[in-house]
């Protein structure tokens, strides 16, 4: 029963309110880079596998750990953030500018709605989460470290701890409440073990390690 570390990426340019070209290319801020360096202290021994999403910020967050343990295998899985806004509309915008579009998306509560180019539906997100969980169940490596994103990790934990029931539209509203309650900071982690598709044990949210021990 492998131990799984789910780690949110360090603070990104988007998190800091800067203009970003698209959902995937947002890099880390100086603080995010310091958080990535601090994450290494969580692992006195080499993990068996490091997984990142295709998005730049997870690769950058994982980079210090990969440098520390260069023999550890690395794989890229589709554990990228839930990207539900039209790519052209959101191009070169800030988080604040996107807030009205975000609010409109969630108020719509349509789990099959795709906002436009490059946008996922809520149903698409749940499908990716299920694929991720299935792949985890097949792993023999222990421990496994997964660098991913706030909404995606929230969806993983939500489906494990409080599986959605009723209509998908109702589940979408439930998930929105879960996100607000979870509060997973940048570079925070959750440790868990999954057996036969269910949580065997789960840790509290582990806050980011101090960025400077001096």
Foldseek 3Di string as FASTA:
>chain_A
DAKEKEWEQFAWCQNVFAWAFFQAETAHDPRRLLLLLQLLVVPPDQFQEEEEENGHRLCSSCVNNCVVPVVRYYDYANQEDQFQAAGVVSGRGHPVVCVVVVVVLLVVLDQCDGHHPPHHGVVRLLVSLVVVLVVVQPDPTHHYYYYYHLLSVLSNVCCQPPNDDDDSSVVSNVSVVSSVVQPQHHGKIKMFDDDPSHTPDIDRTHHRGDSDPD
